[in-house]
Each structure stands twice: as C-alpha cells, then as structure tokens.
Amino acid sequence: MTTNNHNVDEFVRRAEGIYEANLKEILEPQHVDEFVAIEPESGDYFLGKTLNEATRAARQSYPDRLTHVMRVGHRAALHLGTRVE
C-alpha cells in the first residue's frame, strides 16, 4: 500500500466500515475499552487488552499487511492531551 493521503483515507474508511457494519454490535457488549486491529482486505480482526496485544496478534497472521487499530466503544484508539475543566 502506498502512503498517499487518498489511499490512507480509503484504508481507514474500509476498516471503520467493517467495524460499524460487522463488529460494533458483536464487540461492544463485552469488549468495551479493549483494542481491535482490523485487516481490511480480509475483514479479519484481532482483539487485545492493550494496543500492543491487538497489533501483535494481527502481525502474526498478516506480517506484511497494515491493520487499523480502534478502541472498542470509543471514537479514537488513544486520547492524548489534557482535560480542560
């Protein structure tokens, strides 16, 4: 996969589409806060309690492919920054 913005955007859209259409309903009831790595070409996914666990599991099955990592039940895998109160 090349790294131009269009290809990256399409890659992310495909992975997020798989999550919304196929995985959200299955994963959110019991796996909130866990990480899911999605390989968009196959539709396969890999769960982990940590980001590292999910990506490691995906790399074992697909060492030459990229995966998109999401946090189950969240809009982003990681939240960076500070809280403004």
Foldseek 3Di string as FASTA:
>chain_A
DDDDPVVVVVQVVQQVVLCVPPNLVPQQVPQAQWKWWAQRVVRDIATDNAPVRRVVVVCVVPVPGHTDMAGHPDPHNDDDDDDDD
